[in-house]
Amino acid sequence: DNEFKQKLLSTMTEAEVSYLKLGSIQERVHVEEGNEERANGYYRAVLDEYRRGLKNGYDLKNAEQYLLEAKVRAADFTYSFISTKNRLERDVGIFIETQPHSAAAVNTVPERKSS
């Protein structure tokens, strides 16, 4: 009986830690979404300046790299959120109503046009 209580308490503690971790990851997803939006804005600004002849190909390549890195970080944290949430739901046996994204829209990289 005492062993059962110990196991139950341990399981409850692990579930609580996982739930707190999930909240932390969710916050990071929101931060990375903001970073991705800023990187997308930066890329669009550099692309506009590139088209007007104010920036060169190197500047555009760096802006594209910055945007790509932001997208990868956002995807990594979204994956971490979903996998942690699924593991927690499986371990606890309940559905957790929460979403990794603060926005439903997914930004895409504008197409480069040759001048």
N, C-alpha and C. Protein backbone atom coordinates (compact mmCIF):
# COMPACT_ATOMS: atom_id res chain seq x y z
N ASP A 1 0.83 -1.18 0.00
CA ASP A 1 0.00 0.00 0.00
C ASP A 1 0.88 1.26 0.00
N ASN A 2 1.93 1.25 0.80
CA ASN A 2 2.84 2.38 0.86
C ASN A 2 3.60 2.53 -0.46
N GLU A 3 3.97 1.41 -1.06
CA GLU A 3 4.66 1.44 -2.35
C GLU A 3 3.77 2.03 -3.43
N PHE A 4 2.48 1.69 -3.41
CA PHE A 4 1.52 2.23 -4.37
C PHE A 4 1.41 3.75 -4.22
N LYS A 5 1.35 4.23 -2.98
CA LYS A 5 1.26 5.66 -2.73
C LYS A 5 2.51 6.38 -3.22
N GLN A 6 3.67 5.78 -3.01
CA GLN A 6 4.93 6.36 -3.48
C GLN A 6 4.94 6.46 -5.00
N LYS A 7 4.51 5.39 -5.67
CA LYS A 7 4.47 5.37 -7.14
C LYS A 7 3.47 6.41 -7.65
N LEU A 8 2.32 6.50 -7.02
CA LEU A 8 1.31 7.47 -7.41
C LEU A 8 1.83 8.89 -7.25
N LEU A 9 2.46 9.18 -6.13
CA LEU A 9 3.02 10.50 -5.88
C LEU A 9 4.11 10.82 -6.89
N SER A 10 4.95 9.87 -7.20
CA SER A 10 6.01 10.05 -8.18
C SER A 10 5.43 10.35 -9.56
N THR A 11 4.40 9.60 -9.94
CA THR A 11 3.75 9.80 -11.24
C THR A 11 3.11 11.18 -11.31
N MET A 12 2.45 11.58 -10.24
CA MET A 12 1.81 12.90 -10.21
C MET A 12 2.85 14.01 -10.32
N THR A 13 3.97 13.85 -9.66
CA THR A 13 5.04 14.84 -9.71
C THR A 13 5.62 14.93 -11.11
N GLU A 14 5.86 13.79 -11.74
CA GLU A 14 6.37 13.77 -13.12
C GLU A 14 5.39 14.43 -14.08
N ALA A 15 4.10 14.20 -13.89
CA ALA A 15 3.08 14.81 -14.74
C ALA A 15 3.07 16.32 -14.55
N GLU A 16 3.20 16.77 -13.31
CA GLU A 16 3.21 18.21 -13.05
C GLU A 16 4.43 18.87 -13.68
N VAL A 17 5.58 18.23 -13.57
CA VAL A 17 6.80 18.77 -14.17
C VAL A 17 6.65 18.82 -15.70
N SER A 18 6.09 17.78 -16.27
CA SER A 18 5.87 17.76 -17.72
C SER A 18 4.91 18.85 -18.16
N TYR A 19 3.87 19.09 -17.36
CA TYR A 19 2.90 20.13 -17.70
C TYR A 19 3.55 21.51 -17.63
N LEU A 20 4.38 21.75 -16.63
CA LEU A 20 5.10 23.01 -16.54
C LEU A 20 6.07 23.17 -17.70
N LYS A 21 6.73 22.09 -18.08
CA LYS A 21 7.64 22.11 -19.23
C LYS A 21 6.86 22.46 -20.49
N LEU A 22 5.67 21.89 -20.63
CA LEU A 22 4.83 22.16 -21.79
C LEU A 22 4.50 23.65 -21.88
N GLY A 23 4.16 24.26 -20.75
CA GLY A 23 3.87 25.70 -20.73
C GLY A 23 5.08 26.52 -21.13
N SER A 24 6.24 26.11 -20.66
CA SER A 24 7.48 26.81 -21.00
C SER A 24 7.78 26.71 -22.50
N ILE A 25 7.59 25.52 -23.05
CA ILE A 25 7.82 25.33 -24.48
C ILE A 25 6.81 26.14 -25.28
N GLN A 26 5.57 26.19 -24.81
CA GLN A 26 4.53 26.97 -25.51
C GLN A 26 4.92 28.44 -25.55
N GLU A 27 5.43 28.97 -24.45
CA GLU A 27 5.89 30.36 -24.43
C GLU A 27 7.01 30.57 -25.43
N ARG A 28 7.93 29.61 -25.52
CA ARG A 28 9.05 29.73 -26.46
C ARG A 28 8.56 29.69 -27.90
N VAL A 29 7.51 28.89 -28.17
CA VAL A 29 6.93 28.86 -29.51
C VAL A 29 6.43 30.25 -29.87
N HIS A 30 5.75 30.92 -28.94
CA HIS A 30 5.24 32.27 -29.21
C HIS A 30 6.39 33.25 -29.47
N VAL A 31 7.47 33.14 -28.70
CA VAL A 31 8.64 34.00 -28.91
C VAL A 31 9.23 33.76 -30.29
N GLU A 32 9.38 32.50 -30.66
CA GLU A 32 9.96 32.17 -31.96
C GLU A 32 9.06 32.59 -33.12
N GLU A 33 7.74 32.56 -32.90
CA GLU A 33 6.82 33.05 -33.94
C GLU A 33 7.05 34.55 -34.15
N GLY A 34 7.24 35.29 -33.06
CA GLY A 34 7.54 36.72 -33.17
C GLY A 34 8.85 36.96 -33.89
N ASN A 35 9.86 36.14 -33.57
CA ASN A 35 11.15 36.25 -34.25
C ASN A 35 11.00 35.97 -35.73
N GLU A 36 10.19 34.98 -36.07
CA GLU A 36 9.97 34.64 -37.47
C GLU A 36 9.27 35.79 -38.21
N GLU A 37 8.30 36.41 -37.56
CA GLU A 37 7.62 37.56 -38.17
C GLU A 37 8.59 38.71 -38.41
N ARG A 38 9.45 38.98 -37.44
CA ARG A 38 10.45 40.04 -37.61
C ARG A 38 11.44 39.69 -38.71
N ALA A 39 11.88 38.44 -38.77
CA ALA A 39 12.81 38.02 -39.81
C ALA A 39 12.16 38.12 -41.19
N ASN A 40 10.87 37.81 -41.25
CA ASN A 40 10.15 37.91 -42.51
C ASN A 40 10.05 39.38 -42.95
N GLY A 41 9.78 40.27 -42.00
CA GLY A 41 9.73 41.70 -42.31
C GLY A 41 11.08 42.22 -42.77
N TYR A 42 12.14 41.76 -42.11
CA TYR A 42 13.50 42.15 -42.50
C TYR A 42 13.81 41.66 -43.90
N TYR A 43 13.46 40.40 -44.17
CA TYR A 43 13.70 39.84 -45.50
C TYR A 43 12.97 40.65 -46.57
N ARG A 44 11.72 40.95 -46.32
CA ARG A 44 10.93 41.72 -47.30
C ARG A 44 11.53 43.11 -47.53
N ALA A 45 12.01 43.74 -46.47
CA ALA A 45 12.63 45.06 -46.61
C ALA A 45 13.91 44.97 -47.43
N VAL A 46 14.75 43.97 -47.14
CA VAL A 46 15.99 43.80 -47.89
C VAL A 46 15.68 43.45 -49.35
N LEU A 47 14.68 42.60 -49.56
CA LEU A 47 14.29 42.23 -50.92
C LEU A 47 13.83 43.47 -51.70
N ASP A 48 13.06 44.33 -51.05
CA ASP A 48 12.61 45.56 -51.70
C ASP A 48 13.80 46.45 -52.06
N GLU A 49 14.74 46.58 -51.12
CA GLU A 49 15.92 47.40 -51.38
C GLU A 49 16.81 46.76 -52.45
N TYR A 50 16.87 45.45 -52.47
CA TYR A 50 17.62 44.73 -53.50
C TYR A 50 17.04 45.02 -54.89
N ARG A 51 15.72 44.97 -54.98
CA ARG A 51 15.04 45.23 -56.26
C ARG A 51 15.26 46.67 -56.73
N ARG A 52 15.44 47.60 -55.78
CA ARG A 52 15.67 48.99 -56.14
C ARG A 52 17.16 49.28 -56.33
N GLY A 53 18.01 48.27 -56.14
CA GLY A 53 19.44 48.44 -56.35
C GLY A 53 20.19 48.99 -55.16
N LEU A 54 19.56 49.02 -53.99
CA LEU A 54 20.20 49.56 -52.80
C LEU A 54 20.95 48.49 -52.00
N LYS A 55 20.59 47.26 -52.18
CA LYS A 55 21.25 46.13 -51.49
C LYS A 55 21.79 45.19 -52.55
N ASN A 56 22.80 44.42 -52.16
CA ASN A 56 23.38 43.47 -53.11
C ASN A 56 22.94 42.04 -52.79
N GLY A 57 23.38 41.11 -53.60
CA GLY A 57 23.01 39.71 -53.43
C GLY A 57 23.46 39.13 -52.10
N TYR A 58 24.60 39.59 -51.61
CA TYR A 58 25.10 39.11 -50.32
C TYR A 58 24.14 39.50 -49.19
N ASP A 59 23.66 40.75 -49.24
CA ASP A 59 22.70 41.21 -48.23
C ASP A 59 21.42 40.38 -48.29
N LEU A 60 20.96 40.11 -49.50
CA LEU A 60 19.74 39.32 -49.68
C LEU A 60 19.94 37.89 -49.19
N LYS A 61 21.09 37.32 -49.49
CA LYS A 61 21.39 35.96 -49.02
C LYS A 61 21.39 35.90 -47.49
N ASN A 62 21.97 36.91 -46.85
CA ASN A 62 22.00 36.94 -45.38
C ASN A 62 20.59 37.07 -44.80
N ALA A 63 19.76 37.89 -45.42
CA ALA A 63 18.38 38.04 -44.95
C ALA A 63 17.61 36.74 -45.12
N GLU A 64 17.84 36.05 -46.24
CA GLU A 64 17.19 34.75 -46.45
C GLU A 64 17.65 33.75 -45.41
N GLN A 65 18.93 33.74 -45.10
CA GLN A 65 19.47 32.82 -44.09
C GLN A 65 18.88 33.11 -42.72
N TYR A 66 18.77 34.37 -42.37
CA TYR A 66 18.18 34.79 -41.10
C TYR A 66 16.73 34.31 -41.00
N LEU A 67 15.98 34.47 -42.09
CA LEU A 67 14.58 34.03 -42.12
C LEU A 67 14.50 32.51 -42.01
N LEU A 68 15.34 31.81 -42.74
CA LEU A 68 15.32 30.35 -42.69
C LEU A 68 15.64 29.84 -41.29
N GLU A 69 16.63 30.43 -40.65
CA GLU A 69 16.98 30.02 -39.29
C GLU A 69 15.82 30.27 -38.32
N ALA A 70 15.13 31.38 -38.49
CA ALA A 70 13.98 31.68 -37.62
C ALA A 70 12.87 30.66 -37.85
N LYS A 71 12.62 30.29 -39.09
CA LYS A 71 11.59 29.29 -39.40
C LYS A 71 11.96 27.92 -38.81
N VAL A 72 13.22 27.56 -38.89
CA VAL A 72 13.67 26.26 -38.35
C VAL A 72 13.51 26.24 -36.83
N ARG A 73 13.90 27.33 -36.16
CA ARG A 73 13.75 27.40 -34.70
C ARG A 73 12.27 27.28 -34.30
N ALA A 74 11.41 28.00 -35.02
CA ALA A 74 9.97 27.94 -34.71
C ALA A 74 9.45 26.53 -34.93
N ALA A 75 9.88 25.87 -36.00
CA ALA A 75 9.44 24.50 -36.27
C ALA A 75 9.96 23.54 -35.21
N ASP A 76 11.21 23.72 -34.79
CA ASP A 76 11.79 22.85 -33.75
C ASP A 76 11.01 22.95 -32.44
N PHE A 77 10.68 24.17 -32.03
CA PHE A 77 9.93 24.33 -30.78
C PHE A 77 8.49 23.85 -30.91
N THR A 78 7.91 24.02 -32.10
CA THR A 78 6.56 23.51 -32.32
C THR A 78 6.56 21.99 -32.22
N TYR A 79 7.56 21.35 -32.83
CA TYR A 79 7.68 19.89 -32.74
C TYR A 79 7.86 19.46 -31.28
N SER A 80 8.72 20.17 -30.57
CA SER A 80 8.96 19.84 -29.16
C SER A 80 7.67 19.98 -28.35
N PHE A 81 6.90 21.03 -28.64
CA PHE A 81 5.63 21.23 -27.94
C PHE A 81 4.68 20.07 -28.21
N ILE A 82 4.52 19.71 -29.47
CA ILE A 82 3.58 18.65 -29.84
C ILE A 82 4.01 17.30 -29.25
N SER A 83 5.29 16.98 -29.33
CA SER A 83 5.74 15.69 -28.80
C SER A 83 5.62 15.64 -27.27
N THR A 84 5.93 16.75 -26.59
CA THR A 84 5.78 16.79 -25.13
C THR A 84 4.32 16.69 -24.74
N LYS A 85 3.46 17.39 -25.46
CA LYS A 85 2.02 17.34 -25.19
C LYS A 85 1.48 15.92 -25.40
N ASN A 86 1.87 15.27 -26.49
CA ASN A 86 1.41 13.90 -26.76
C ASN A 86 1.88 12.93 -25.69
N ARG A 87 3.12 13.08 -25.26
CA ARG A 87 3.67 12.20 -24.22
C ARG A 87 2.94 12.41 -22.90
N LEU A 88 2.66 13.67 -22.56
CA LEU A 88 1.95 13.97 -21.33
C LEU A 88 0.52 13.43 -21.38
N GLU A 89 -0.16 13.62 -22.50
CA GLU A 89 -1.52 13.10 -22.65
C GLU A 89 -1.54 11.58 -22.52
N ARG A 90 -0.56 10.93 -23.11
CA ARG A 90 -0.48 9.47 -23.03
C ARG A 90 -0.23 9.02 -21.59
N ASP A 91 0.69 9.69 -20.92
CA ASP A 91 1.05 9.30 -19.56
C ASP A 91 -0.08 9.55 -18.56
N VAL A 92 -0.79 10.67 -18.74
CA VAL A 92 -1.85 11.04 -17.80
C VAL A 92 -3.19 10.46 -18.22
N GLY A 93 -3.38 10.29 -19.52
CA GLY A 93 -4.62 9.71 -20.02
C GLY A 93 -5.74 10.71 -20.23
N ILE A 94 -5.37 11.99 -20.39
CA ILE A 94 -6.39 13.01 -20.66
C ILE A 94 -5.93 13.89 -21.82
N PHE A 95 -6.89 14.55 -22.48
CA PHE A 95 -6.61 15.47 -23.56
C PHE A 95 -6.33 16.85 -22.97
N ILE A 96 -5.28 17.51 -23.42
CA ILE A 96 -4.91 18.83 -22.93
C ILE A 96 -5.26 19.84 -24.04
N GLU A 97 -6.15 20.77 -23.72
CA GLU A 97 -6.58 21.76 -24.70
C GLU A 97 -5.62 22.94 -24.70
N THR A 98 -4.69 22.92 -25.60
CA THR A 98 -3.75 24.01 -25.79
C THR A 98 -3.15 23.87 -27.18
N GLN A 99 -2.72 24.96 -27.74
CA GLN A 99 -2.16 24.98 -29.09
C GLN A 99 -0.76 25.56 -29.06
N PRO A 100 0.12 25.08 -29.95
CA PRO A 100 1.47 25.62 -29.97
C PRO A 100 1.55 27.00 -30.61
N HIS A 101 0.60 27.33 -31.51
CA HIS A 101 0.71 28.57 -32.28
C HIS A 101 -0.20 29.64 -31.74
N SER A 102 0.29 30.87 -31.77
CA SER A 102 -0.54 32.02 -31.41
C SER A 102 -1.26 32.55 -32.64
N ALA A 103 -0.73 32.23 -33.82
CA ALA A 103 -1.34 32.67 -35.07
C ALA A 103 -1.51 31.47 -35.99
N ALA A 104 -2.60 31.46 -36.72
CA ALA A 104 -2.87 30.33 -37.60
C ALA A 104 -2.13 30.45 -38.92
N ALA A 105 -1.83 31.66 -39.34
CA ALA A 105 -1.19 31.86 -40.65
C ALA A 105 0.27 31.46 -40.61
N VAL A 106 0.71 30.87 -41.68
CA VAL A 106 2.11 30.49 -41.81
C VAL A 106 2.73 31.41 -42.84
N ASN A 107 3.80 32.09 -42.44
CA ASN A 107 4.47 32.99 -43.37
C ASN A 107 5.26 32.20 -44.39
N THR A 108 5.25 32.67 -45.61
CA THR A 108 6.05 32.04 -46.65
C THR A 108 7.06 33.05 -47.16
N VAL A 109 8.13 32.56 -47.71
CA VAL A 109 9.16 33.42 -48.25
C VAL A 109 8.69 33.93 -49.61
N PRO A 110 8.69 35.24 -49.81
CA PRO A 110 8.29 35.76 -51.12
C PRO A 110 9.24 35.29 -52.20
N GLU A 111 8.72 35.13 -53.38
CA GLU A 111 9.51 34.64 -54.49
C GLU A 111 10.46 35.71 -54.97
N ARG A 112 11.70 35.33 -55.25
CA ARG A 112 12.68 36.26 -55.81
C ARG A 112 12.39 36.42 -57.28
N LYS A 113 12.42 37.65 -57.75
CA LYS A 113 12.24 37.92 -59.18
C LYS A 113 13.52 38.53 -59.71
N SER A 114 13.98 38.01 -60.82
CA SER A 114 15.19 38.55 -61.45
C SER A 114 14.85 39.85 -62.14
N SER A 115 15.75 40.81 -62.02
CA SER A 115 15.52 42.10 -62.70
C SER A 115 16.31 42.15 -63.98
